[in-house]
Protein backbone atom coordinates (compact mmCIF):
# COMPACT_ATOMS: atom_id res chain seq x y z
CA MET A 1 147.15 52.61 13.08
CA PRO A 2 148.33 53.50 9.89
CA ARG A 3 151.74 55.62 9.87
CA ARG A 4 150.38 59.25 8.79
CA ARG A 5 152.32 61.84 6.71
CA ASN A 6 154.09 64.60 8.49
CA LEU A 7 152.41 67.51 9.16
CA PRO A 8 153.44 70.86 6.64
CA ASP A 9 155.90 72.66 7.89
CA GLU A 10 154.51 75.97 6.76
CA LEU A 11 151.20 75.41 9.20
CA ASP A 12 150.53 78.00 11.85
CA PRO A 13 151.11 76.78 15.15
CA ARG A 14 147.57 76.97 16.31
CA VAL A 15 146.51 74.45 13.40
CA ARG A 16 149.09 72.30 14.05
CA GLU A 17 147.96 72.06 17.92
CA PHE A 18 144.52 71.45 16.64
CA VAL A 19 145.55 68.22 13.79
CA GLU A 20 147.79 66.75 16.23
CA GLN A 21 144.51 66.75 18.68
CA LEU A 22 142.42 65.06 16.34
CA ARG A 23 144.57 62.53 15.30
CA LYS A 24 144.89 61.64 19.05
CA VAL A 25 141.35 61.49 19.11
CA VAL A 26 141.32 59.09 16.21
CA ASP A 27 143.70 57.13 17.52
CA ARG A 28 142.58 56.44 20.94
CA ALA A 29 139.20 55.25 19.50
CA GLY A 30 141.33 52.85 17.30
CA LEU A 31 139.39 53.92 14.48
CA GLY A 32 140.48 53.76 10.50
CA LEU A 33 139.47 56.39 8.05
CA GLY A 34 136.64 54.45 6.79
CA ALA A 35 135.10 53.71 10.05
CA VAL A 36 135.54 57.77 10.83
CA ALA A 37 133.70 58.40 7.58
CA ASP A 38 130.64 55.98 7.54
CA ARG A 39 129.88 57.00 11.55
CA THR A 40 130.21 61.21 10.88
CA GLY A 41 129.17 61.63 7.67
CA TYR A 42 131.76 63.28 6.23
CA GLY A 43 134.15 61.47 3.31
CA ARG A 44 137.02 59.45 3.66
CA THR A 45 138.78 61.64 1.47
CA SER A 46 138.13 64.74 3.38
CA TRP A 47 139.13 62.79 6.63
CA GLU A 48 142.55 62.20 4.77
CA ARG A 49 142.64 66.07 3.92
CA TYR A 50 141.94 66.90 7.59
CA LEU A 51 144.34 64.84 9.35
CA ASP A 52 147.36 65.53 7.23
CA GLY A 53 146.82 69.25 7.41
CA ARG A 54 145.94 69.98 4.07
CA LEU A 55 142.11 70.88 4.59
CA LEU A 56 140.48 72.50 7.79
CA ALA A 57 138.11 70.37 9.43
CA PRO A 58 134.91 72.72 9.28
CA LYS A 59 133.07 72.66 12.74
CA GLY A 60 130.28 69.63 11.82
CA ALA A 61 132.81 67.16 11.35
CA VAL A 62 134.72 68.29 14.38
CA ILE A 63 131.47 67.80 16.59
CA ALA A 64 130.58 64.54 14.68
CA LEU A 65 133.81 62.76 15.57
CA ALA A 66 133.80 63.97 19.34
CA GLU A 67 130.37 62.30 19.32
CA ILE A 68 131.43 59.42 18.18
CA THR A 69 134.51 58.81 20.20
CA GLY A 70 132.91 60.11 23.57
CA THR A 71 135.15 63.06 23.26
CA PRO A 72 133.92 66.44 24.93
CA PRO A 73 133.01 69.02 22.21
CA ALA A 74 133.95 71.87 24.01
CA ARG A 75 137.75 70.14 24.31
CA LEU A 76 137.96 70.20 20.32
CA THR A 77 136.04 73.16 19.58
CA ALA A 78 138.59 75.73 21.88
CA LEU A 79 141.22 74.66 19.46
CA TRP A 80 139.25 74.39 16.31
CA GLU A 81 138.04 78.26 16.90
CA PRO A 82 141.61 79.95 17.13
CA ALA A 83 142.48 77.40 14.07
CA ALA A 84 140.05 78.51 12.20
CA ARG A 85 140.88 82.14 12.34
CA ALA A 86 144.71 81.39 11.31
CA TRP A 87 143.58 79.52 8.82
CA ASN A 88 141.03 81.83 7.30
CA GLY A 89 144.05 84.82 7.92
CA THR A 90 147.39 83.74 6.95
CA GLU A 91 148.83 82.44 3.49
CA PRO A 92 147.54 79.53 2.35
CA PRO A 93 149.54 76.38 3.48
CA ARG A 94 150.98 73.70 0.64
CA ASP A 95 148.28 72.56 -2.11
CA ARG A 96 145.48 73.67 -0.05
CA THR A 97 143.75 75.53 -3.01
CA VAL A 98 144.60 72.19 -4.58
CA ASP A 99 142.65 70.31 -2.15
CA ALA A 100 139.34 72.55 -1.23
CA GLY A 101 138.87 72.68 -4.80
CA ALA A 102 137.13 75.97 -4.58
CA GLY A 103 139.69 77.67 -2.36
CA PRO A 104 140.80 81.48 -3.17
CA ALA A 105 143.83 81.71 -5.61
CA VAL A 106 146.95 82.71 -4.10
CA GLY A 107 147.21 86.64 -4.07
CA ALA A 108 143.12 86.64 -3.25
CA ALA A 109 141.89 88.18 -0.56
CA PRO A 110 140.64 86.35 2.09
CA PRO A 111 137.58 84.79 2.24
CA GLY A 112 134.95 87.84 3.27
CA ARG A 113 137.16 90.58 1.90
CA ALA A 114 137.13 90.17 -1.75
CA ARG A 115 139.25 92.97 -3.80
CA ALA A 116 137.78 95.02 -5.88
CA PRO A 117 139.24 94.60 -9.75
CA GLN A 118 141.53 97.28 -10.86
CA GLY A 119 139.46 99.76 -12.95
CA GLU A 120 136.19 98.97 -11.70
CA PHE A 121 136.20 102.19 -9.62
CA GLY A 122 136.81 105.80 -11.01
CA PRO A 123 138.41 108.45 -8.66
CA PRO A 124 135.84 109.29 -5.89
CA PRO A 125 134.40 112.52 -6.90
CA SER A 126 134.59 114.09 -3.03
CA GLN A 127 138.21 114.20 -3.96
CA GLU A 128 138.96 115.53 -7.66
CA PRO A 129 137.09 118.83 -7.22
CA ARG A 130 139.61 119.51 -4.24
CA ARG A 131 142.25 120.08 -6.93
CA GLY A 132 141.12 122.87 -8.72
CA ALA A 133 139.57 124.24 -5.28
CA ALA A 134 143.34 125.48 -5.19
CA GLY A 135 142.89 127.88 -7.94
CA GLY A 136 140.86 130.85 -7.73
CA GLY A 137 138.20 132.68 -9.78
CA ARG A 138 136.72 131.67 -13.06
CA THR A 139 139.89 129.03 -13.27
CA ALA A 140 138.65 127.24 -10.53
CA LEU A 141 135.00 127.28 -11.74
CA PHE A 142 136.13 125.97 -15.08
CA LEU A 143 137.92 122.99 -13.22
CA ALA A 144 135.60 122.18 -11.23
CA GLY A 145 133.05 121.92 -14.26
CA VAL A 146 135.01 119.92 -16.68
CA LEU A 147 135.54 117.63 -13.61
CA GLY A 148 132.29 117.40 -13.41
CA VAL A 149 131.56 116.44 -16.60
CA VAL A 150 134.89 113.74 -16.47
CA THR A 151 132.65 112.17 -13.38
CA VAL A 152 129.64 112.45 -15.31
CA VAL A 153 131.00 110.36 -18.12
CA VAL A 154 132.77 107.91 -15.99
CA GLY A 155 129.65 107.29 -13.94
CA ALA A 156 127.80 106.54 -17.22
CA PHE A 157 130.33 104.07 -18.40
CA LEU A 158 130.15 101.59 -15.32
CA LEU A 159 126.67 101.86 -15.64
CA THR A 160 126.58 100.62 -19.13
CA GLY A 161 129.56 98.89 -20.24
CA GLY A 162 131.17 98.37 -17.10
CA GLY A 163 127.96 97.28 -15.98
CA GLU A 164 126.98 95.03 -18.70
CA GLN A 165 130.34 92.78 -17.97
CA ARG A 166 129.41 92.11 -14.95
CA ARG A 167 126.03 90.83 -15.41
CA THR A 168 127.45 88.67 -18.23
CA ALA A 169 129.80 87.02 -16.06
CA GLY A 170 126.63 86.49 -12.91
CA ALA A 171 125.35 84.78 -16.06
CA SER A 172 127.43 82.71 -16.76
CA GLY A 173 127.43 81.12 -13.22
CA THR A 174 130.97 82.88 -11.84
CA PRO A 175 129.86 85.68 -9.28
CA SER A 176 130.95 88.96 -9.28
CA PRO A 177 133.26 90.51 -6.83
CA SER A 178 130.56 92.21 -5.48
CA ALA A 179 128.68 89.46 -5.07
CA ARG A 180 131.01 87.24 -3.24
CA ALA A 181 131.85 90.10 -0.66
CA GLY A 182 128.41 90.18 0.01
CA ALA A 183 128.12 86.69 1.04
CA VAL A 184 128.62 85.95 4.49
CA LEU A 185 129.41 82.58 5.00
CA PRO A 186 129.99 80.47 8.16
CA SER A 187 133.59 79.82 8.98
CA GLY A 188 135.01 76.72 6.88
CA VAL A 189 132.14 76.93 4.22
CA LEU A 190 133.76 77.91 1.29
CA CYS A 191 131.12 77.66 -2.08
CA GLN A 192 127.56 79.21 -2.00
CA GLY A 193 124.62 78.40 -4.65
CA SER A 194 126.07 78.19 -8.33
CA GLY A 195 129.69 78.32 -7.05
CA CYS A 196 128.74 75.05 -5.46
CA THR A 197 127.97 73.18 -8.60
CA GLY A 198 130.09 70.46 -9.28
CA LYS A 199 132.29 70.32 -5.97
CA ASP A 200 132.14 68.33 -3.43
CA ALA A 201 129.96 68.93 -0.40
CA GLU A 202 132.42 68.13 2.53
CA ALA A 203 135.69 69.28 1.03
CA MET A 204 133.56 72.75 0.70
CA GLY A 205 132.22 72.66 4.06
CA CYS A 206 128.69 72.39 3.48
CA GLY A 207 128.12 68.49 4.96
CA GLY A 208 127.93 67.48 8.83
CA GLY A 209 125.92 69.66 10.57
CA LEU A 210 124.92 72.48 7.63
CA ALA A 211 123.25 69.28 5.58
CA THR A 212 119.80 67.30 6.11
CA THR A 213 118.57 64.25 4.33
CA ALA A 214 115.24 65.61 2.23
CA ARG A 215 114.53 61.71 1.32
CA SER A 216 115.08 58.72 1.28
CA ALA A 217 115.19 55.29 -0.05
CA PRO A 218 115.95 51.54 0.78
CA VAL A 219 117.59 49.93 -2.55
CA GLY A 220 118.53 46.16 -2.03
CA ARG A 221 120.68 46.23 1.13
CA ALA A 222 121.42 50.18 0.93
CA LEU A 223 120.40 53.30 1.47
CA VAL A 224 119.80 56.41 -1.06
CA GLU A 225 119.15 59.82 0.02
CA VAL A 226 118.87 63.48 -0.83
CA ARG A 227 121.22 65.70 1.17
CA TYR A 228 120.68 69.54 1.00
CA SER A 229 122.28 72.24 2.75
CA ARG A 230 120.27 75.41 2.92
CA THR A 231 123.32 77.64 4.05
CA CYS A 232 125.19 76.00 0.96
CA GLY A 233 122.01 76.69 -1.20
CA ALA A 234 122.84 72.49 -2.76
CA VAL A 235 121.86 69.31 -3.12
CA TRP A 236 123.81 66.18 -3.68
CA GLY A 237 123.04 62.62 -3.46
CA ARG A 238 124.39 60.01 -1.00
CA VAL A 239 124.37 56.31 -1.09
CA THR A 240 125.38 54.18 2.33
CA GLN A 241 125.65 50.47 3.37
CA ALA A 242 127.35 50.39 -0.28
CA VAL A 243 130.24 48.09 -1.82
CA PRO A 244 132.42 48.82 -4.87
CA GLY A 245 130.47 49.31 -7.89
CA ASP A 246 127.30 50.81 -6.49
CA VAL A 247 126.68 54.30 -8.57
CA VAL A 248 124.52 57.01 -6.74
CA ARG A 249 123.29 60.01 -9.11
CA VAL A 250 121.12 63.11 -8.35
CA THR A 251 119.39 65.03 -10.95
CA VAL A 252 117.36 68.72 -10.47
CA GLY A 253 115.88 69.71 -13.14
CA SER A 254 118.05 69.35 -16.42
CA ARG A 255 121.11 68.68 -14.12
CA ARG A 256 122.70 65.55 -13.00
CA ALA A 257 125.70 64.39 -11.29
CA SER A 258 126.89 61.02 -10.16
CA GLY A 259 129.51 59.10 -7.84
CA THR A 260 130.53 55.92 -7.14
CA VAL A 261 132.36 53.18 -4.44
CA ALA A 262 135.43 52.76 -5.85
CA THR A 263 136.96 50.62 -3.27
CA SER A 264 136.06 48.08 -0.89
CA ALA A 265 137.55 50.31 1.98
CA GLU A 266 134.42 52.50 1.15
CA THR A 267 130.53 52.10 2.22
CA ILE A 268 129.46 55.45 1.66
CA ALA A 269 129.57 57.69 -1.86
CA TYR A 270 128.20 61.04 -3.05
CA THR A 271 127.35 63.03 -5.84
CA PRO A 272 129.19 66.30 -6.74
CA MET A 273 126.65 69.21 -5.60
CA ILE A 274 124.33 71.26 -7.83
CA ALA A 275 123.12 74.12 -6.54
CA ALA A 276 119.49 74.49 -5.54
CA GLY A 277 117.22 77.29 -3.74
CA SER A 278 115.67 73.64 -1.95
CA ALA A 279 115.15 69.74 -2.40
CA ASP A 280 111.64 69.72 -4.05
CA ARG A 281 112.94 69.00 -7.53
CA ALA A 282 116.07 66.69 -6.40
CA THR A 283 115.61 62.90 -6.71
CA ALA A 284 118.73 60.58 -5.99
CA CYS A 285 118.71 56.70 -7.45
CA ALA A 286 121.15 54.82 -6.61
CA VAL A 287 122.27 51.48 -9.19
CA LEU A 288 124.18 48.47 -7.48
CA ALA A 289 126.71 46.30 -8.54
CA SER A 290 123.82 44.04 -8.12
CA GLY A 291 122.18 44.92 -10.51
CA GLU A 292 119.34 46.45 -8.16
CA GLY A 293 118.62 49.83 -8.73
CA GLY A 294 115.78 52.77 -7.26
CA CYS A 295 115.32 56.20 -6.82
CA THR A 296 113.68 58.22 -3.77
CA GLY A 297 110.65 59.25 -5.80
């Protein structure tokens, strides 16, 4: 088996134990990364990152690996669960954000615990009046009235100017902080909806058991598919039994994405994802190096 790079020193011990076990399972099975990718449905690049400790393998990939190697899934998932908690609850290891493509930036709140931007909320009205309550008589009433006016003004700003800013951000395709905080995604899934557009399905945890083949069609020796993940709210194209030079494209309305088989070690290629509520309008096409072409219809 090829010699693997050393795991990052800053890995949590639980993550390190999990990754080392994945390596042992792959090595015992005598499989190369190309074979692992082909049989599990997760990309070769993704498996390189999983086994190098630069990206935590999603649970679907772990179960798929167990199935193709004859390993009891419970043995791997028992290690995956504490590793996932450690991965999501600590500072990201070296270049994790770069590999994931959409991981939280350094200093950002962990998934599901988004921080509110500074200045988005005024002081809680229930706390402010107590500052005037310390006085008595007319002074207390006057201060309470002033604070009430301030509260109304702040609320009006948030409902007009501040609210308009948040609506504008949502229209550009960038989810607002409140939208991110409200989205509850399975562990290992790093995007949803418009946040997935242009990103790798395997790196974002949208593939494996979370994806289905909506439709497929043979194209010469290859098979082209529309892949869809309801959890991520996105579609992408996939071509299997492929060779270098084969191209796969997926189209949803006016949006299009494409992927290419680059090396002889790869027999499968994916397009980046496109946000979609369903796969009804999605079409995948393949153009083979031989010149043959076809679509899913």
